Amino acid sequence: MLSNWKGPQFIGEDSKIKNRRRFINICLQRLYRRSGFNALPMIALGFLGIILLGSFLLALPVASATDAPVPWFDALFTATSAVCVTGLVVRDTGTAYSTFGHVVLLLLIQIGGLGFMTFATLIFRMLGRGISMRERMIMQDSLNEDEMGGVVQLISWVARSAFTVELAGAALFAIRFIPIYGPGRGAFFALFHAVSAFCNAGFDLFGGGRSLTGFTGDILMNLTACGLVIIGGLGFGVLHDMLQKRRFRRFRLHTKLVLVSYFALLVGGMLIVLALEWGNPGTLGPLSVKDKLLAALFQSVTLRTAGFNTVDQAALRDCTKLIGGFLMLIGAAPASTGGGIKVTTLAILVLTVRMVARGESSIVVFERRIDRALIQRTVAIAFIAIAVAFVDICALSVLQPGAAFLDLYYESVSAVGTVGISAIGSANLVPLSRILIIITMYIGRIGPLTMALLFMRRQSRAKELIRYPEDRVMIG
């Protein structure tokens, strides 16, 4: 049972503690595998329960800004979008909902961004309640962590760090919002948009579907929003590793891959937007050089599943929408507030192509070798995500015969990647299309994590009892 335990190493007090923790973690992992407990349904049902609760709250008369309550179907769409931190809406968030509705949305976005188990853990600790083994298993899976030991402390750190960053972002936003909306409303606007940006949700309260188009050239607003989106999208494990080790060469392989791939996509996306939209009269054309650079940077950041926009998405050129859809599907980093198939998935796919092109037998990057089972899971996750997007696009093209195909493609990939930017306007979708987008947002939020954990668990348990002879198949 404890074949991985190397015995005590009496080198010092720190070594004793590390060995003891490792011993406990191995025991927990073995118990976890033998128990047969599956946390995946709990994670999926937890998100679903919060969505349903949020939809009923948003459908209450007190949540509406008018005398007529918001229809439950529209409230369901909004709640799904908020919990899945997407940002697609069928009703104008700023004008359709009251202050109560905005507070409900704020809580749904926060819970969806950090995960319901994070909030459950905080409540349990405030009440002085212990965390059971089963709950620790769910926490481990929700954070996609390899070790169960210390997961409660990690979740507490995640919550403290998230709230600190959001408050700092709100303070910077308040510099602009308080002079415009007054102290009370301006402070709430600042907090709401800080949480929405950090959680990569993209909800705004400006009304009229304007998002941040009124601040296209505002350096403070743009850089604050970009900073919040990036910090939330890098992943809590990456942030924790960076704060602990501080030097790139000491980072874990996962952290290195996330940083390199995330910022490579960020810079590449910015250059593509600049090249394709520089003279477009509907987007970057009328702006100054400084504002063009700022708008291109923000567009690239928002494609990492942020959902905000400072330029009109409907006015983008077709080639920009096509490439933008690909970038949206990739998304942010694992165990982050963002969605998509994740930047590490793309990194491993690219490294796999390089391995095959060089005729190598394994992937070696940063002096570390990637496990072949991880490569297989990566290919499976990417294929399934592309298949979901393909089916979704085809279904939307049938349900919306008069709409431009690229706009439907943009909408579909935005839902799969939980991005939230739209070129067609989700309010223009027919009811069946809205149902399809609701399902797609839900799959996009819990799908990549669920698939990764499911494949990992099945591969760890799979045993080849019979090995058949190999044969050759022609490809290419």
Protein backbone atom coordinates (compact mmCIF):
# COMPACT_ATOMS: atom_id res chain seq x y z
CA MET A 1 0.00 0.00 0.00
CA LEU A 2 2.80 2.40 0.88
CA SER A 3 5.24 1.35 -1.81
CA ASN A 4 5.93 4.98 -2.66
CA TRP A 5 6.92 5.82 0.93
CA LYS A 6 10.68 6.09 1.20
CA GLY A 7 10.89 6.01 4.96
CA PRO A 8 11.95 8.75 7.37
CA GLN A 9 14.89 10.96 6.48
CA PHE A 10 16.29 12.56 9.63
CA ILE A 11 18.01 15.50 8.03
CA GLY A 12 16.22 18.22 9.94
CA GLU A 13 12.88 19.36 11.23
CA ASP A 14 11.76 20.58 7.80
CA SER A 15 12.55 17.20 6.25
CA LYS A 16 10.58 15.42 8.97
CA ILE A 17 7.56 17.60 8.33
CA LYS A 18 7.79 17.14 4.54
CA ASN A 19 8.14 13.37 4.89
CA ARG A 20 5.22 13.22 7.30
CA ARG A 21 3.04 15.23 4.92
CA ARG A 22 4.05 13.04 2.02
CA PHE A 23 3.22 9.91 4.04
CA ILE A 24 -0.23 11.28 4.94
CA ASN A 25 -0.89 12.34 1.35
CA ILE A 26 -0.04 8.89 -0.02
CA CYS A 27 -2.38 7.30 2.52
CA LEU A 28 -5.17 9.68 1.51
CA GLN A 29 -4.60 9.09 -2.19
CA ARG A 30 -4.69 5.31 -1.78
CA LEU A 31 -7.83 5.54 0.32
CA TYR A 32 -9.36 7.87 -2.28
CA ARG A 33 -8.71 5.44 -5.14
CA ARG A 34 -10.01 2.43 -3.24
CA SER A 35 -13.13 4.15 -1.93
CA GLY A 36 -14.60 4.45 -5.43
CA PHE A 37 -15.93 7.93 -4.58
CA ASN A 38 -16.47 10.11 -7.63
CA ALA A 39 -16.50 13.87 -7.03
CA LEU A 40 -17.32 14.77 -10.63
CA PRO A 41 -21.13 14.53 -10.28
CA MET A 42 -20.91 16.66 -7.14
CA ILE A 43 -19.04 19.40 -9.02
CA ALA A 44 -21.49 19.32 -11.94
CA LEU A 45 -24.57 19.25 -9.71
CA GLY A 46 -23.16 22.00 -7.51
CA PHE A 47 -22.92 24.38 -10.48
CA LEU A 48 -26.37 23.32 -11.69
CA GLY A 49 -27.93 23.94 -8.27
CA ILE A 50 -26.45 27.44 -8.04
CA ILE A 51 -27.70 28.22 -11.57
CA LEU A 52 -31.26 27.19 -10.70
CA LEU A 53 -31.22 29.10 -7.41
CA GLY A 54 -29.88 32.18 -9.18
CA SER A 55 -32.52 31.96 -11.90
CA PHE A 56 -35.36 31.96 -9.36
CA LEU A 57 -33.83 34.92 -7.51
CA LEU A 58 -33.40 36.92 -10.73
CA ALA A 59 -37.02 36.15 -11.70
CA LEU A 60 -38.37 37.70 -8.48
CA PRO A 61 -40.19 41.05 -8.85
CA VAL A 62 -37.66 42.68 -6.51
CA ALA A 63 -34.84 41.78 -8.93
CA SER A 64 -36.44 43.68 -11.81
CA ALA A 65 -35.85 47.36 -12.52
CA THR A 66 -39.40 47.68 -13.85
CA ASP A 67 -42.84 46.73 -12.54
CA ALA A 68 -42.86 43.52 -14.59
CA PRO A 69 -40.54 40.75 -13.36
CA VAL A 70 -37.95 39.30 -15.70
CA PRO A 71 -39.30 36.08 -17.34
CA TRP A 72 -37.83 32.96 -15.75
CA PHE A 73 -36.37 31.73 -19.05
CA ASP A 74 -34.42 34.98 -19.47
CA ALA A 75 -33.38 34.81 -15.81
CA LEU A 76 -32.17 31.23 -16.39
CA PHE A 77 -30.05 32.35 -19.34
CA THR A 78 -28.55 35.18 -17.28
CA ALA A 79 -27.90 32.97 -14.24
CA THR A 80 -26.21 30.34 -16.40
CA SER A 81 -24.06 32.98 -18.03
CA ALA A 82 -23.11 34.42 -14.62
CA VAL A 83 -22.28 31.12 -12.89
CA CYS A 84 -20.41 29.91 -15.97
CA VAL A 85 -18.64 33.33 -16.01
CA THR A 86 -19.51 33.82 -19.68
CA GLY A 87 -21.15 37.22 -20.05
CA LEU A 88 -23.65 36.53 -22.84
CA VAL A 89 -26.99 38.22 -22.04
CA VAL A 90 -30.48 38.35 -23.52
CA ARG A 91 -31.50 41.36 -21.39
CA ASP A 92 -29.51 44.51 -20.76
CA THR A 93 -27.91 43.89 -17.36
CA GLY A 94 -27.63 47.56 -16.47
CA THR A 95 -31.26 48.49 -17.12
CA ALA A 96 -33.27 45.26 -16.75
CA TYR A 97 -32.26 44.43 -13.16
CA SER A 98 -32.56 46.35 -9.91
CA THR A 99 -29.86 46.79 -7.30
CA PHE A 100 -31.02 43.52 -5.72
CA GLY A 101 -30.66 41.81 -9.09
CA HIS A 102 -27.18 43.28 -9.54
CA VAL A 103 -26.12 42.00 -6.10
CA VAL A 104 -27.43 38.53 -6.98
CA LEU A 105 -25.47 38.64 -10.24
CA LEU A 106 -22.35 39.76 -8.36
CA LEU A 107 -22.62 36.77 -6.02
CA LEU A 108 -23.29 34.34 -8.88
CA ILE A 109 -20.24 35.62 -10.78
CA GLN A 110 -18.06 35.35 -7.68
CA ILE A 111 -19.22 31.82 -6.89
CA GLY A 112 -18.89 30.76 -10.51
CA GLY A 113 -15.41 32.23 -10.81
CA LEU A 114 -13.92 30.79 -7.64
CA GLY A 115 -16.05 27.63 -7.44
CA PHE A 116 -18.86 26.72 -5.07
CA MET A 117 -16.55 24.53 -2.95
CA THR A 118 -14.40 27.55 -2.14
CA PHE A 119 -17.40 29.33 -0.64
CA ALA A 120 -18.61 26.19 1.11
CA THR A 121 -15.18 25.83 2.72
CA LEU A 122 -15.19 29.44 3.89
CA ILE A 123 -18.66 29.03 5.42
CA PHE A 124 -17.66 25.77 7.13
CA ARG A 125 -14.57 27.39 8.64
CA MET A 126 -16.48 30.46 9.82
CA LEU A 127 -19.00 28.17 11.53
CA GLY A 128 -16.20 26.13 13.08
CA ARG A 129 -17.28 23.00 11.22
CA GLY A 130 -14.69 20.40 10.25
CA ILE A 131 -14.05 19.40 6.62
CA SER A 132 -14.82 15.75 5.94
CA MET A 133 -12.75 13.41 3.78
CA ARG A 134 -15.45 13.44 1.09
CA GLU A 135 -15.47 17.24 0.99
CA ARG A 136 -11.67 17.30 0.73
CA MET A 137 -11.91 14.96 -2.26
CA ILE A 138 -14.34 17.34 -3.98
CA MET A 139 -12.04 20.29 -3.23
CA GLN A 140 -9.07 18.44 -4.68
CA ASP A 141 -10.94 17.70 -7.90
CA SER A 142 -12.40 21.20 -8.18
CA LEU A 143 -8.91 22.72 -7.98
CA ASN A 144 -7.39 19.98 -10.16
CA GLU A 145 -4.70 19.41 -7.53
CA ASP A 146 -2.55 16.27 -7.35
CA GLU A 147 -2.27 16.23 -3.56
CA MET A 148 -5.10 16.18 -1.05
CA GLY A 149 -2.97 17.33 1.87
CA GLY A 150 -3.19 21.07 2.45
CA VAL A 151 -6.09 21.56 0.03
CA VAL A 152 -8.19 23.35 2.68
CA GLN A 153 -5.38 25.84 3.35
CA LEU A 154 -4.93 26.32 -0.40
CA ILE A 155 -8.63 27.13 -0.86
CA SER A 156 -8.44 29.64 1.99
CA TRP A 157 -5.42 31.25 0.32
CA VAL A 158 -7.27 31.34 -3.01
CA ALA A 159 -10.23 33.16 -1.44
CA ARG A 160 -8.05 35.68 0.43
CA SER A 161 -5.96 36.40 -2.66
CA ALA A 162 -8.99 36.76 -4.92
CA PHE A 163 -10.75 39.19 -2.58
CA THR A 164 -7.55 41.22 -2.16
CA VAL A 165 -7.01 41.55 -5.92
CA GLU A 166 -10.67 42.40 -6.52
CA LEU A 167 -10.64 45.12 -3.86
CA ALA A 168 -7.46 46.59 -5.34
CA GLY A 169 -9.07 46.61 -8.78
CA ALA A 170 -12.23 48.16 -7.37
CA ALA A 171 -10.17 50.95 -5.80
CA LEU A 172 -8.64 51.75 -9.19
CA PHE A 173 -11.99 51.60 -10.99
CA ALA A 174 -13.46 53.89 -8.33
CA ILE A 175 -11.12 56.67 -9.46
CA ARG A 176 -13.19 56.86 -12.66
CA PHE A 177 -16.63 55.73 -11.49
CA ILE A 178 -17.15 57.83 -8.36
CA PRO A 179 -16.79 61.18 -10.19
CA ILE A 180 -19.27 59.93 -12.83
CA TYR A 181 -21.90 58.10 -10.72
CA GLY A 182 -21.40 59.50 -7.22
CA PRO A 183 -19.89 57.85 -4.10
CA GLY A 184 -22.44 55.07 -3.45
CA ARG A 185 -23.28 54.00 -6.97
CA GLY A 186 -19.72 54.61 -8.17
CA ALA A 187 -18.27 52.37 -5.43
CA PHE A 188 -20.72 49.57 -6.28
CA PHE A 189 -19.95 49.94 -10.00
CA ALA A 190 -16.25 49.69 -9.21
CA LEU A 191 -16.68 46.54 -7.10
CA PHE A 192 -19.05 44.87 -9.59
CA HIS A 193 -16.77 45.40 -12.59
CA ALA A 194 -13.65 44.42 -10.63
CA VAL A 195 -15.25 41.09 -9.67
CA SER A 196 -16.57 40.63 -13.21
CA ALA A 197 -13.12 41.26 -14.69
CA PHE A 198 -11.20 39.07 -12.22
CA CYS A 199 -13.67 36.22 -12.73
CA ASN A 200 -13.43 36.65 -16.53
CA ALA A 201 -17.21 37.11 -16.64
CA GLY A 202 -17.65 40.23 -18.77
CA PHE A 203 -20.91 41.50 -17.21
CA ASP A 204 -21.27 45.29 -17.11
CA LEU A 205 -23.79 47.75 -15.70
CA PHE A 206 -23.41 50.62 -18.17
CA GLY A 207 -26.57 49.81 -20.11
CA GLY A 208 -27.20 49.66 -23.82
CA GLY A 209 -24.73 46.80 -24.31
CA ARG A 210 -21.87 49.29 -24.32
CA SER A 211 -19.45 47.29 -22.16
CA LEU A 212 -16.23 49.34 -21.96
CA THR A 213 -16.58 51.05 -25.35
CA GLY A 214 -16.87 54.38 -23.55
CA PHE A 215 -13.33 53.94 -22.18
CA THR A 216 -11.49 52.84 -25.33
CA GLY A 217 -8.64 55.29 -24.85
CA ASP A 218 -8.62 55.35 -21.04
CA ILE A 219 -5.28 53.89 -19.91
CA LEU A 220 -6.31 53.45 -16.25
CA MET A 221 -9.55 51.59 -17.09
CA ASN A 222 -7.98 49.43 -19.79
CA LEU A 223 -4.88 48.40 -17.87
CA THR A 224 -6.84 47.76 -14.66
CA ALA A 225 -9.33 45.56 -16.47
CA CYS A 226 -6.56 43.76 -18.36
CA GLY A 227 -4.61 43.20 -15.15
CA LEU A 228 -7.62 41.70 -13.37
CA VAL A 229 -8.45 39.45 -16.33
CA ILE A 230 -4.87 38.20 -16.63
CA ILE A 231 -4.44 37.52 -12.90
CA GLY A 232 -7.74 35.65 -12.78
CA GLY A 233 -6.96 33.74 -15.97
CA LEU A 234 -3.50 32.47 -15.02
CA GLY A 235 -4.84 30.03 -12.45
CA PHE A 236 -4.53 29.95 -8.68
CA GLY A 237 -1.90 27.22 -8.70
CA VAL A 238 0.29 29.29 -11.01
CA LEU A 239 -0.08 32.41 -8.87
CA HIS A 240 0.74 30.44 -5.71
CA ASP A 241 3.82 28.92 -7.35
CA MET A 242 5.02 32.31 -8.60
CA LEU A 243 4.65 33.94 -5.19
CA GLN A 244 6.47 31.09 -3.46
CA LYS A 245 9.40 30.56 -5.83
CA ARG A 246 9.67 33.98 -7.51
CA ARG A 247 12.16 32.87 -10.20
CA PHE A 248 11.17 31.38 -13.53
CA ARG A 249 13.75 28.59 -13.46
CA ARG A 250 12.41 27.40 -10.10
CA PHE A 251 8.78 27.28 -11.22
CA ARG A 252 6.94 24.00 -11.79
CA LEU A 253 6.67 22.82 -15.39
CA HIS A 254 2.94 23.59 -15.35
CA THR A 255 3.62 27.19 -14.34
CA LYS A 256 6.26 27.64 -17.03
CA LEU A 257 3.98 26.26 -19.75
CA VAL A 258 1.08 28.45 -18.64
CA LEU A 259 3.15 31.64 -18.57
CA VAL A 260 4.85 31.06 -21.93
CA SER A 261 1.71 29.96 -23.80
CA TYR A 262 -0.62 32.52 -22.17
CA PHE A 263 1.54 35.55 -22.95
CA ALA A 264 2.54 34.23 -26.38
CA LEU A 265 -1.15 34.09 -27.28
CA LEU A 266 -1.66 37.52 -25.74
CA VAL A 267 1.07 39.18 -27.80
CA GLY A 268 0.20 37.20 -30.92
CA GLY A 269 -3.47 38.10 -30.63
CA MET A 270 -2.65 41.78 -30.22
CA LEU A 271 -0.43 41.81 -33.33
CA ILE A 272 -3.11 40.01 -35.36
CA VAL A 273 -5.80 42.49 -34.33
CA LEU A 274 -3.51 45.41 -35.18
CA ALA A 275 -2.66 43.97 -38.59
CA LEU A 276 -6.24 43.11 -39.56
CA GLU A 277 -8.16 46.00 -37.98
CA TRP A 278 -5.72 48.93 -38.33
CA GLY A 279 -7.69 50.63 -41.11
CA ASN A 280 -11.15 49.27 -40.31
CA PRO A 281 -13.44 52.33 -39.94
CA GLY A 282 -15.74 50.39 -37.60
CA THR A 283 -13.05 49.41 -35.08
CA LEU A 284 -9.47 50.74 -34.93
CA GLY A 285 -9.53 52.98 -37.99
CA PRO A 286 -10.65 56.29 -36.38
CA LEU A 287 -8.43 55.87 -33.28
CA SER A 288 -5.05 57.43 -32.61
CA VAL A 289 -1.94 55.22 -32.62
CA LYS A 290 -1.93 55.05 -28.83
CA ASP A 291 -5.61 54.11 -28.70
CA LYS A 292 -5.16 51.53 -31.45
CA LEU A 293 -2.44 49.80 -29.45
CA LEU A 294 -4.57 49.94 -26.31
CA ALA A 295 -7.69 48.64 -28.07
CA ALA A 296 -5.75 45.82 -29.78
CA LEU A 297 -4.25 44.78 -26.45
CA PHE A 298 -7.66 44.79 -24.79
CA GLN A 299 -9.21 42.76 -27.62
CA SER A 300 -6.47 40.15 -27.28
CA VAL A 301 -6.94 40.02 -23.51
CA THR A 302 -10.72 39.69 -23.79
CA LEU A 303 -10.30 36.70 -26.14
CA ARG A 304 -8.74 34.90 -23.15
CA THR A 305 -12.44 34.56 -22.02
CA ALA A 306 -12.84 38.00 -20.39
CA GLY A 307 -16.06 39.03 -22.16
CA PHE A 308 -15.57 42.80 -22.07
CA ASN A 309 -14.97 44.81 -25.24
CA THR A 310 -13.81 48.30 -26.13
CA VAL A 311 -14.58 48.05 -29.87
CA ASP A 312 -17.72 46.95 -31.70
CA GLN A 313 -17.51 43.17 -32.18
CA ALA A 314 -20.06 43.19 -35.00
CA ALA A 315 -17.82 45.56 -37.00
CA LEU A 316 -14.78 43.25 -36.90
CA ARG A 317 -13.60 41.88 -40.23
CA ASP A 318 -14.45 38.28 -41.02
CA CYS A 319 -10.84 37.11 -40.78
CA THR A 320 -10.57 38.72 -37.34
CA LYS A 321 -13.68 36.90 -36.17
CA LEU A 322 -12.36 33.62 -37.56
CA ILE A 323 -9.02 33.88 -35.75
CA GLY A 324 -10.70 35.37 -32.68
CA GLY A 325 -12.96 32.32 -32.43
CA PHE A 326 -9.91 30.05 -32.39
CA LEU A 327 -8.33 32.12 -29.61
CA MET A 328 -11.59 32.06 -27.62
CA LEU A 329 -11.77 28.28 -27.84
CA ILE A 330 -8.30 28.01 -26.31
CA GLY A 331 -9.25 30.19 -23.36
CA ALA A 332 -7.26 30.69 -20.17
CA ALA A 333 -5.21 28.48 -17.83
CA PRO A 334 -6.42 25.41 -15.90
CA ALA A 335 -7.89 25.94 -12.40
CA SER A 336 -8.47 29.62 -13.21
CA THR A 337 -11.57 31.79 -13.47
CA GLY A 338 -11.43 31.52 -17.27
CA GLY A 339 -12.81 28.87 -19.60
CA GLY A 340 -11.83 27.23 -22.88
CA ILE A 341 -9.83 24.07 -23.49
CA LYS A 342 -6.93 25.85 -21.69
CA VAL A 343 -3.59 27.21 -22.91
CA THR A 344 -1.68 24.15 -21.64
CA THR A 345 -3.79 21.95 -23.92
CA LEU A 346 -2.68 23.99 -26.92
CA ALA A 347 0.92 23.95 -25.68
CA ILE A 348 0.98 20.16 -25.43
CA LEU A 349 -0.66 19.80 -28.86
CA VAL A 350 2.01 22.05 -30.40
CA LEU A 351 4.76 20.14 -28.58
CA THR A 352 3.26 16.86 -29.83
CA VAL A 353 3.46 18.08 -33.42
CA ARG A 354 7.06 19.14 -32.83
CA MET A 355 7.84 15.71 -31.36
CA VAL A 356 6.41 13.92 -34.39
CA ALA A 357 8.12 16.27 -36.85
CA ARG A 358 11.49 15.66 -35.18
CA GLY A 359 10.96 11.92 -34.97
CA GLU A 360 11.30 11.93 -31.19
CA SER A 361 9.72 9.35 -28.88
CA SER A 362 8.62 11.77 -26.12
CA ILE A 363 7.99 15.42 -25.40
CA VAL A 364 10.80 17.14 -23.50
CA VAL A 365 10.33 20.78 -22.50
CA PHE A 366 12.21 22.82 -19.89
CA GLU A 367 14.27 19.69 -19.14
CA ARG A 368 11.17 17.74 -18.17
CA ARG A 369 9.41 14.91 -20.00
CA ILE A 370 5.64 14.94 -20.58
CA ASP A 371 3.85 11.70 -19.75
CA ARG A 372 2.37 9.97 -22.82
CA ALA A 373 -0.94 9.45 -20.99
CA LEU A 374 -1.21 13.24 -20.59
CA ILE A 375 -0.71 13.66 -24.34
CA GLN A 376 -3.54 11.24 -25.02
CA ARG A 377 -5.88 13.09 -22.65
CA THR A 378 -4.96 16.40 -24.27
CA VAL A 379 -5.83 15.15 -27.75
CA ALA A 380 -9.14 13.74 -26.48
CA ILE A 381 -10.13 16.98 -24.70
CA ALA A 382 -9.30 19.11 -27.73
CA PHE A 383 -11.21 16.81 -30.09
CA ILE A 384 -14.32 16.75 -27.88
CA ALA A 385 -14.32 20.55 -27.46
CA ILE A 386 -14.00 21.07 -31.21
CA ALA A 387 -16.78 18.54 -31.80
CA VAL A 388 -19.08 20.37 -29.35
CA ALA A 389 -18.37 23.69 -31.07
CA PHE A 390 -18.91 22.13 -34.52
CA VAL A 391 -22.28 20.64 -33.56
CA ASP A 392 -23.30 23.89 -31.89
CA ILE A 393 -22.42 25.98 -34.95
CA CYS A 394 -24.31 23.65 -37.28
CA ALA A 395 -27.38 23.67 -35.02
CA LEU A 396 -27.36 27.48 -34.76
CA SER A 397 -27.06 27.85 -38.54
CA VAL A 398 -30.21 25.74 -38.90
CA LEU A 399 -32.12 27.56 -36.14
CA GLN A 400 -31.01 31.05 -37.32
CA PRO A 401 -31.22 30.83 -41.14
CA GLY A 402 -31.04 34.59 -41.70
CA ALA A 403 -27.95 35.24 -39.59
CA ALA A 404 -24.40 35.51 -40.91
CA PHE A 405 -22.52 32.24 -40.47
CA LEU A 406 -19.41 33.87 -38.98
CA ASP A 407 -21.52 35.70 -36.40
CA LEU A 408 -23.07 32.38 -35.36
CA TYR A 409 -19.61 30.84 -35.25
CA TYR A 410 -18.47 33.71 -33.04
CA GLU A 411 -21.46 33.27 -30.72
CA SER A 412 -21.02 29.51 -30.45
CA VAL A 413 -17.31 29.55 -29.71
CA SER A 414 -17.88 32.38 -27.25
CA ALA A 415 -20.29 30.10 -25.36
CA VAL A 416 -18.04 27.02 -25.52
CA GLY A 417 -15.06 29.02 -24.27
CA THR A 418 -17.24 30.94 -21.75
CA VAL A 419 -15.99 34.21 -23.23
CA GLY A 420 -19.12 36.32 -23.51
CA ILE A 421 -18.48 38.63 -26.46
CA SER A 422 -21.05 38.54 -29.24
CA ALA A 423 -21.29 39.82 -32.79
CA ILE A 424 -24.93 38.92 -33.38
CA GLY A 425 -26.35 39.81 -29.95
CA SER A 426 -27.71 36.94 -27.85
CA ALA A 427 -31.03 38.76 -27.48
CA ASN A 428 -31.61 38.22 -31.23
CA LEU A 429 -31.52 34.43 -30.88
CA VAL A 430 -34.73 32.41 -31.08
CA PRO A 431 -35.77 30.43 -27.94
CA LEU A 432 -34.34 27.12 -29.19
CA SER A 433 -31.02 28.80 -29.94
CA ARG A 434 -30.98 30.27 -26.44
CA ILE A 435 -31.54 26.82 -24.95
CA LEU A 436 -28.64 25.54 -27.02
CA ILE A 437 -26.40 28.38 -25.80
CA ILE A 438 -27.41 27.69 -22.17
CA ILE A 439 -26.36 24.05 -22.53
CA THR A 440 -23.17 25.05 -24.32
CA MET A 441 -22.16 27.53 -21.61
CA TYR A 442 -22.70 24.88 -18.94
CA ILE A 443 -20.64 22.33 -20.88
CA GLY A 444 -17.96 24.93 -21.54
CA ARG A 445 -17.63 25.72 -17.84
CA ILE A 446 -17.53 22.23 -16.31
CA GLY A 447 -16.59 20.23 -19.41
CA PRO A 448 -12.79 20.64 -19.65
CA LEU A 449 -12.24 19.99 -15.93
CA THR A 450 -14.66 17.05 -15.87
CA MET A 451 -13.15 15.48 -18.97
CA ALA A 452 -9.58 15.93 -17.70
CA LEU A 453 -10.36 14.32 -14.33
CA LEU A 454 -12.45 11.55 -15.87
CA PHE A 455 -9.78 10.58 -18.40
CA MET A 456 -7.07 10.77 -15.75
CA ARG A 457 -9.00 8.48 -13.41
CA ARG A 458 -9.85 5.95 -16.10
CA GLN A 459 -6.29 5.81 -17.39
CA SER A 460 -4.93 5.28 -13.88
CA ARG A 461 -7.30 2.33 -13.38
CA ALA A 462 -7.04 0.79 -16.83
CA LYS A 463 -5.13 -2.47 -17.07
CA GLU A 464 -4.37 -4.30 -20.28
CA LEU A 465 -5.26 -7.91 -19.58
CA ILE A 466 -4.80 -8.86 -23.24
CA ARG A 467 -2.28 -7.36 -25.66
CA TYR A 468 -3.08 -7.88 -29.31
CA PRO A 469 -0.42 -7.83 -32.05
CA GLU A 470 0.31 -4.49 -33.67
CA ASP A 471 -0.49 -3.70 -37.30
CA ARG A 472 0.00 -0.74 -39.60
CA VAL A 473 -2.53 1.78 -40.93
CA MET A 474 -1.79 4.23 -43.73
CA ILE A 475 -2.36 7.91 -42.89
CA GLY A 476 -1.76 11.17 -44.73
